[in-house]
N, C-alpha and C. Protein backbone atom coordinates (compact mmCIF):
# COMPACT_ATOMS: atom_id res chain seq x y z
N MET A 1 -41.58 -7.92 -27.93
CA MET A 1 -40.53 -8.40 -27.06
C MET A 1 -39.30 -7.50 -27.22
N VAL A 2 -38.76 -7.02 -26.09
CA VAL A 2 -37.61 -6.13 -26.12
C VAL A 2 -36.34 -6.94 -25.95
N MET A 3 -35.39 -6.72 -26.84
CA MET A 3 -34.10 -7.43 -26.75
C MET A 3 -33.12 -6.54 -25.97
N HIS A 4 -32.44 -7.15 -25.03
CA HIS A 4 -31.42 -6.43 -24.26
C HIS A 4 -30.04 -6.76 -24.83
N ASN A 5 -29.24 -5.72 -24.96
CA ASN A 5 -27.86 -5.95 -25.39
C ASN A 5 -27.09 -6.63 -24.26
N THR A 6 -26.38 -7.67 -24.63
CA THR A 6 -25.56 -8.34 -23.62
C THR A 6 -24.14 -7.81 -23.72
N HIS A 7 -23.52 -7.72 -22.58
CA HIS A 7 -22.15 -7.23 -22.54
C HIS A 7 -21.22 -8.29 -23.13
N GLN A 8 -20.29 -7.87 -23.95
CA GLN A 8 -19.31 -8.78 -24.53
C GLN A 8 -17.91 -8.35 -24.09
N PRO A 9 -17.32 -9.10 -23.15
CA PRO A 9 -15.96 -8.76 -22.72
C PRO A 9 -14.96 -8.95 -23.87
N THR A 10 -14.01 -8.07 -23.94
CA THR A 10 -12.93 -8.20 -24.93
C THR A 10 -11.62 -8.33 -24.17
N ASP A 11 -10.58 -8.73 -24.86
CA ASP A 11 -9.25 -8.81 -24.23
C ASP A 11 -8.84 -7.43 -23.71
N GLU A 12 -9.18 -6.39 -24.47
CA GLU A 12 -8.83 -5.03 -24.07
C GLU A 12 -9.55 -4.64 -22.77
N LEU A 13 -10.85 -4.98 -22.67
CA LEU A 13 -11.60 -4.67 -21.45
C LEU A 13 -11.09 -5.50 -20.27
N ARG A 14 -10.76 -6.76 -20.51
CA ARG A 14 -10.21 -7.59 -19.43
C ARG A 14 -8.91 -6.99 -18.89
N GLN A 15 -8.06 -6.52 -19.83
CA GLN A 15 -6.80 -5.91 -19.41
C GLN A 15 -7.05 -4.62 -18.64
N ARG A 16 -8.03 -3.86 -19.08
CA ARG A 16 -8.35 -2.60 -18.39
C ARG A 16 -8.83 -2.88 -16.97
N VAL A 17 -9.67 -3.89 -16.81
CA VAL A 17 -10.12 -4.27 -15.47
C VAL A 17 -8.92 -4.69 -14.62
N CYS A 18 -8.03 -5.50 -15.19
CA CYS A 18 -6.83 -5.91 -14.46
C CYS A 18 -6.01 -4.70 -14.02
N ASP A 19 -5.79 -3.77 -14.94
CA ASP A 19 -5.01 -2.58 -14.63
C ASP A 19 -5.65 -1.78 -13.50
N LEU A 20 -6.96 -1.63 -13.57
CA LEU A 20 -7.66 -0.87 -12.52
C LEU A 20 -7.55 -1.58 -11.17
N VAL A 21 -7.72 -2.90 -11.17
CA VAL A 21 -7.61 -3.66 -9.92
C VAL A 21 -6.18 -3.55 -9.37
N MET A 22 -5.19 -3.66 -10.25
CA MET A 22 -3.79 -3.59 -9.82
C MET A 22 -3.47 -2.24 -9.19
N CYS A 23 -4.17 -1.20 -9.62
CA CYS A 23 -3.96 0.14 -9.06
C CYS A 23 -4.76 0.36 -7.78
N GLY A 24 -5.55 -0.63 -7.39
CA GLY A 24 -6.31 -0.52 -6.15
C GLY A 24 -7.70 0.08 -6.31
N THR A 25 -8.20 0.17 -7.54
CA THR A 25 -9.51 0.75 -7.78
C THR A 25 -10.60 -0.21 -7.29
N PRO A 26 -11.52 0.27 -6.46
CA PRO A 26 -12.60 -0.61 -6.00
C PRO A 26 -13.55 -0.97 -7.15
N LYS A 27 -14.23 -2.10 -6.97
CA LYS A 27 -15.10 -2.64 -8.02
C LYS A 27 -16.18 -1.65 -8.45
N TYR A 28 -16.77 -0.94 -7.50
CA TYR A 28 -17.85 -0.01 -7.88
C TYR A 28 -17.32 1.11 -8.79
N LEU A 29 -16.07 1.52 -8.60
CA LEU A 29 -15.49 2.55 -9.48
C LEU A 29 -15.10 1.96 -10.84
N ILE A 30 -14.66 0.70 -10.83
CA ILE A 30 -14.37 0.03 -12.11
C ILE A 30 -15.64 0.00 -12.94
N ALA A 31 -16.75 -0.33 -12.31
CA ALA A 31 -18.04 -0.36 -13.01
C ALA A 31 -18.37 1.02 -13.58
N GLN A 32 -18.12 2.07 -12.82
CA GLN A 32 -18.40 3.42 -13.31
C GLN A 32 -17.49 3.79 -14.48
N VAL A 33 -16.21 3.46 -14.36
CA VAL A 33 -15.26 3.77 -15.43
C VAL A 33 -15.66 3.07 -16.72
N LEU A 34 -16.08 1.81 -16.60
CA LEU A 34 -16.46 1.04 -17.79
C LEU A 34 -17.90 1.30 -18.23
N GLU A 35 -18.59 2.13 -17.45
CA GLU A 35 -20.00 2.43 -17.70
C GLU A 35 -20.85 1.16 -17.72
N LEU A 36 -20.61 0.32 -16.72
CA LEU A 36 -21.35 -0.92 -16.53
C LEU A 36 -21.93 -0.92 -15.12
N ASP A 37 -22.87 -1.81 -14.89
CA ASP A 37 -23.35 -1.93 -13.52
C ASP A 37 -22.47 -2.94 -12.77
N ASP A 38 -22.54 -2.89 -11.46
CA ASP A 38 -21.71 -3.71 -10.59
C ASP A 38 -21.89 -5.20 -10.88
N GLU A 39 -23.12 -5.62 -11.13
CA GLU A 39 -23.40 -7.04 -11.40
C GLU A 39 -22.71 -7.52 -12.67
N THR A 40 -22.69 -6.67 -13.69
CA THR A 40 -22.04 -7.04 -14.95
C THR A 40 -20.54 -7.19 -14.76
N VAL A 41 -19.95 -6.27 -14.04
CA VAL A 41 -18.51 -6.36 -13.76
C VAL A 41 -18.22 -7.65 -12.99
N THR A 42 -19.02 -7.93 -11.98
CA THR A 42 -18.82 -9.15 -11.19
C THR A 42 -18.99 -10.40 -12.05
N LYS A 43 -19.99 -10.41 -12.89
CA LYS A 43 -20.30 -11.59 -13.72
C LYS A 43 -19.22 -11.86 -14.76
N TYR A 44 -18.80 -10.84 -15.48
CA TYR A 44 -17.91 -11.05 -16.62
C TYR A 44 -16.41 -10.91 -16.30
N TYR A 45 -16.11 -10.32 -15.15
CA TYR A 45 -14.69 -10.07 -14.84
C TYR A 45 -14.29 -10.63 -13.48
N ALA A 46 -14.95 -11.71 -13.07
CA ALA A 46 -14.68 -12.30 -11.75
C ALA A 46 -13.22 -12.73 -11.62
N LYS A 47 -12.69 -13.35 -12.66
CA LYS A 47 -11.30 -13.82 -12.60
C LYS A 47 -10.34 -12.65 -12.44
N GLU A 48 -10.55 -11.60 -13.22
CA GLU A 48 -9.67 -10.43 -13.13
C GLU A 48 -9.76 -9.78 -11.76
N LEU A 49 -10.98 -9.66 -11.24
CA LEU A 49 -11.17 -9.08 -9.91
C LEU A 49 -10.47 -9.90 -8.83
N ALA A 50 -10.48 -11.23 -9.00
CA ALA A 50 -9.91 -12.12 -7.99
C ALA A 50 -8.40 -12.24 -8.07
N THR A 51 -7.83 -12.09 -9.25
CA THR A 51 -6.40 -12.43 -9.40
C THR A 51 -5.47 -11.27 -9.73
N ALA A 52 -5.99 -10.16 -10.20
CA ALA A 52 -5.12 -9.08 -10.70
C ALA A 52 -4.17 -8.54 -9.64
N LYS A 53 -4.66 -8.35 -8.42
CA LYS A 53 -3.78 -7.80 -7.39
C LYS A 53 -2.64 -8.77 -7.07
N SER A 54 -2.92 -10.06 -7.06
CA SER A 54 -1.87 -11.05 -6.82
C SER A 54 -0.82 -11.02 -7.92
N ILE A 55 -1.26 -10.82 -9.14
CA ILE A 55 -0.32 -10.73 -10.27
C ILE A 55 0.56 -9.50 -10.11
N ALA A 56 -0.03 -8.37 -9.72
CA ALA A 56 0.76 -7.14 -9.51
C ALA A 56 1.78 -7.34 -8.41
N ILE A 57 1.36 -7.95 -7.31
CA ILE A 57 2.28 -8.19 -6.19
C ILE A 57 3.40 -9.12 -6.62
N GLU A 58 3.07 -10.13 -7.41
CA GLU A 58 4.11 -11.03 -7.92
C GLU A 58 5.13 -10.27 -8.76
N ARG A 59 4.65 -9.43 -9.68
CA ARG A 59 5.56 -8.68 -10.56
C ARG A 59 6.47 -7.76 -9.76
N ILE A 60 5.88 -7.02 -8.85
CA ILE A 60 6.67 -6.08 -8.04
C ILE A 60 7.59 -6.83 -7.10
N GLY A 61 7.09 -7.92 -6.54
CA GLY A 61 7.92 -8.74 -5.65
C GLY A 61 9.17 -9.26 -6.35
N LYS A 62 9.03 -9.66 -7.60
CA LYS A 62 10.18 -10.14 -8.37
C LYS A 62 11.21 -9.03 -8.54
N ILE A 63 10.72 -7.82 -8.81
CA ILE A 63 11.63 -6.68 -8.99
C ILE A 63 12.37 -6.38 -7.70
N VAL A 64 11.63 -6.34 -6.58
CA VAL A 64 12.25 -6.06 -5.29
C VAL A 64 13.29 -7.14 -4.97
N TYR A 65 12.95 -8.39 -5.23
CA TYR A 65 13.86 -9.50 -4.96
C TYR A 65 15.13 -9.36 -5.80
N ARG A 66 14.97 -9.07 -7.10
CA ARG A 66 16.14 -8.89 -7.97
C ARG A 66 17.01 -7.73 -7.50
N GLN A 67 16.37 -6.61 -7.13
CA GLN A 67 17.12 -5.45 -6.66
C GLN A 67 17.86 -5.78 -5.36
N ALA A 68 17.21 -6.55 -4.49
CA ALA A 68 17.86 -6.95 -3.23
C ALA A 68 19.11 -7.78 -3.51
N LEU A 69 19.00 -8.73 -4.43
CA LEU A 69 20.16 -9.55 -4.79
C LEU A 69 21.27 -8.74 -5.45
N ASP A 70 20.86 -7.67 -6.15
CA ASP A 70 21.84 -6.81 -6.82
C ASP A 70 22.48 -5.80 -5.88
N GLY A 71 22.07 -5.80 -4.60
CA GLY A 71 22.74 -4.95 -3.62
C GLY A 71 21.96 -3.75 -3.13
N SER A 72 20.73 -3.56 -3.57
CA SER A 72 19.95 -2.42 -3.09
C SER A 72 19.59 -2.62 -1.62
N GLU A 73 20.13 -1.75 -0.77
CA GLU A 73 19.88 -1.89 0.67
C GLU A 73 18.41 -1.67 1.01
N LYS A 74 17.76 -0.74 0.33
CA LYS A 74 16.33 -0.51 0.59
C LYS A 74 15.51 -1.75 0.24
N SER A 75 15.83 -2.36 -0.90
CA SER A 75 15.10 -3.56 -1.30
C SER A 75 15.40 -4.72 -0.37
N GLN A 76 16.64 -4.83 0.09
CA GLN A 76 16.99 -5.88 1.04
C GLN A 76 16.21 -5.71 2.33
N ALA A 77 16.17 -4.48 2.85
CA ALA A 77 15.45 -4.22 4.09
C ALA A 77 13.96 -4.49 3.92
N LEU A 78 13.39 -4.03 2.81
CA LEU A 78 11.97 -4.26 2.56
C LEU A 78 11.67 -5.75 2.48
N TYR A 79 12.50 -6.48 1.76
CA TYR A 79 12.28 -7.92 1.62
C TYR A 79 12.34 -8.61 2.97
N LEU A 80 13.35 -8.31 3.75
CA LEU A 80 13.47 -8.97 5.06
C LEU A 80 12.35 -8.58 6.01
N LYS A 81 11.92 -7.32 5.97
CA LYS A 81 10.81 -6.89 6.83
C LYS A 81 9.51 -7.60 6.49
N THR A 82 9.28 -7.81 5.18
CA THR A 82 8.01 -8.39 4.77
C THR A 82 8.04 -9.90 4.64
N GLN A 83 9.21 -10.48 4.41
CA GLN A 83 9.27 -11.92 4.16
C GLN A 83 10.10 -12.69 5.19
N GLY A 84 10.87 -12.00 6.00
CA GLY A 84 11.79 -12.69 6.90
C GLY A 84 11.35 -12.83 8.33
N ALA A 85 10.14 -12.43 8.67
CA ALA A 85 9.69 -12.45 10.06
C ALA A 85 9.73 -13.85 10.67
N SER A 86 9.41 -14.86 9.87
CA SER A 86 9.40 -16.22 10.41
C SER A 86 10.79 -16.71 10.79
N GLN A 87 11.81 -16.00 10.31
CA GLN A 87 13.18 -16.39 10.62
C GLN A 87 13.88 -15.34 11.49
N GLY A 88 13.08 -14.53 12.17
CA GLY A 88 13.64 -13.60 13.14
C GLY A 88 13.93 -12.21 12.64
N TRP A 89 13.67 -11.94 11.37
CA TRP A 89 13.92 -10.61 10.82
C TRP A 89 12.71 -9.73 11.09
N VAL A 90 12.66 -9.18 12.29
CA VAL A 90 11.57 -8.29 12.66
C VAL A 90 12.16 -6.99 13.19
N GLU A 91 11.47 -5.92 12.90
CA GLU A 91 11.90 -4.62 13.39
C GLU A 91 11.45 -4.49 14.83
N LYS A 92 12.37 -4.12 15.68
CA LYS A 92 12.03 -3.96 17.08
C LYS A 92 11.94 -2.48 17.40
N GLN A 93 10.95 -2.15 18.18
CA GLN A 93 10.78 -0.76 18.60
C GLN A 93 11.24 -0.66 20.05
N VAL A 94 12.12 0.29 20.31
CA VAL A 94 12.63 0.49 21.66
C VAL A 94 11.99 1.74 22.23
N ILE A 95 11.42 1.60 23.39
CA ILE A 95 10.79 2.73 24.06
C ILE A 95 11.60 3.04 25.30
N GLU A 96 12.13 4.25 25.34
CA GLU A 96 12.91 4.66 26.49
C GLU A 96 12.00 5.43 27.45
N THR A 97 12.19 5.17 28.70
CA THR A 97 11.41 5.89 29.69
C THR A 97 12.34 6.82 30.47
N VAL A 98 11.78 7.87 30.99
CA VAL A 98 12.55 8.80 31.81
C VAL A 98 11.85 8.93 33.15
N ASP A 99 12.64 9.20 34.18
CA ASP A 99 12.01 9.36 35.49
C ASP A 99 11.53 10.80 35.67
N ASN A 100 10.87 11.08 36.78
CA ASN A 100 10.29 12.40 37.01
C ASN A 100 11.32 13.51 37.03
N ASN A 101 12.52 13.23 37.57
CA ASN A 101 13.56 14.25 37.60
C ASN A 101 13.99 14.65 36.19
N GLU A 102 14.16 13.63 35.32
CA GLU A 102 14.54 13.92 33.93
C GLU A 102 13.43 14.67 33.20
N THR A 103 12.19 14.31 33.48
CA THR A 103 11.06 14.99 32.87
C THR A 103 11.04 16.46 33.28
N GLN A 104 11.26 16.71 34.55
CA GLN A 104 11.27 18.09 35.05
C GLN A 104 12.42 18.87 34.44
N GLU A 105 13.60 18.25 34.32
CA GLU A 105 14.74 18.92 33.70
C GLU A 105 14.42 19.29 32.24
N LEU A 106 13.80 18.38 31.52
CA LEU A 106 13.43 18.66 30.13
C LEU A 106 12.44 19.81 30.04
N ARG A 107 11.46 19.82 30.93
CA ARG A 107 10.47 20.91 30.93
C ARG A 107 11.15 22.25 31.18
N GLU A 108 12.09 22.27 32.11
CA GLU A 108 12.81 23.51 32.41
C GLU A 108 13.64 23.97 31.21
N LYS A 109 14.30 23.03 30.52
CA LYS A 109 15.09 23.39 29.35
C LYS A 109 14.19 23.94 28.23
N ILE A 110 13.05 23.30 28.03
CA ILE A 110 12.09 23.76 27.01
C ILE A 110 11.59 25.16 27.36
N ALA A 111 11.24 25.38 28.62
CA ALA A 111 10.75 26.69 29.05
C ALA A 111 11.82 27.76 28.84
N ALA A 112 13.08 27.43 29.16
CA ALA A 112 14.17 28.38 28.98
C ALA A 112 14.35 28.72 27.50
N LEU A 113 14.27 27.71 26.64
CA LEU A 113 14.42 27.95 25.20
C LEU A 113 13.25 28.76 24.66
N GLU A 114 12.05 28.44 25.11
CA GLU A 114 10.88 29.22 24.68
C GLU A 114 11.00 30.66 25.10
N ASP A 115 11.47 30.89 26.34
CA ASP A 115 11.63 32.25 26.84
C ASP A 115 12.70 32.99 26.03
N LYS A 116 13.82 32.30 25.76
CA LYS A 116 14.92 32.90 25.03
C LYS A 116 14.50 33.32 23.63
N TYR A 117 13.75 32.45 22.96
CA TYR A 117 13.40 32.72 21.56
C TYR A 117 12.07 33.41 21.38
N SER A 118 11.31 33.59 22.44
CA SER A 118 10.02 34.26 22.30
C SER A 118 10.21 35.73 21.92
N LYS A 119 11.35 36.27 22.25
CA LYS A 119 11.64 37.66 21.91
C LYS A 119 11.85 37.84 20.41
N ASP A 120 12.18 36.73 19.71
CA ASP A 120 12.42 36.80 18.27
C ASP A 120 11.14 36.89 17.48
N TYR A 121 10.00 36.62 18.11
CA TYR A 121 8.73 36.56 17.36
C TYR A 121 7.94 37.79 17.55
């Protein structure tokens, strides 16, 4: 009778799986990094696979929130773009249209500039 070694997860391996998941590493690559098969990773690290990304988002979200409260305009804008949509904080895209006359004028200006600078090349 042949005995098979069973995988024994450790706190260190659990943390490594969490770190890999938090970085966006897909499960099949986590298995390769740990030199395990996909089924073993799924069986022994299901909790880490399911929750690690949420934990990372929570940690980063807290930092962004704190920075926003401390006056960081980038963090304020990011927070409102991602969390404020239900209260009207949405980025609007404005598309300007031009009529045929304006289009023709632009083409003529571009052609004149190309002609002027083509001698430089």
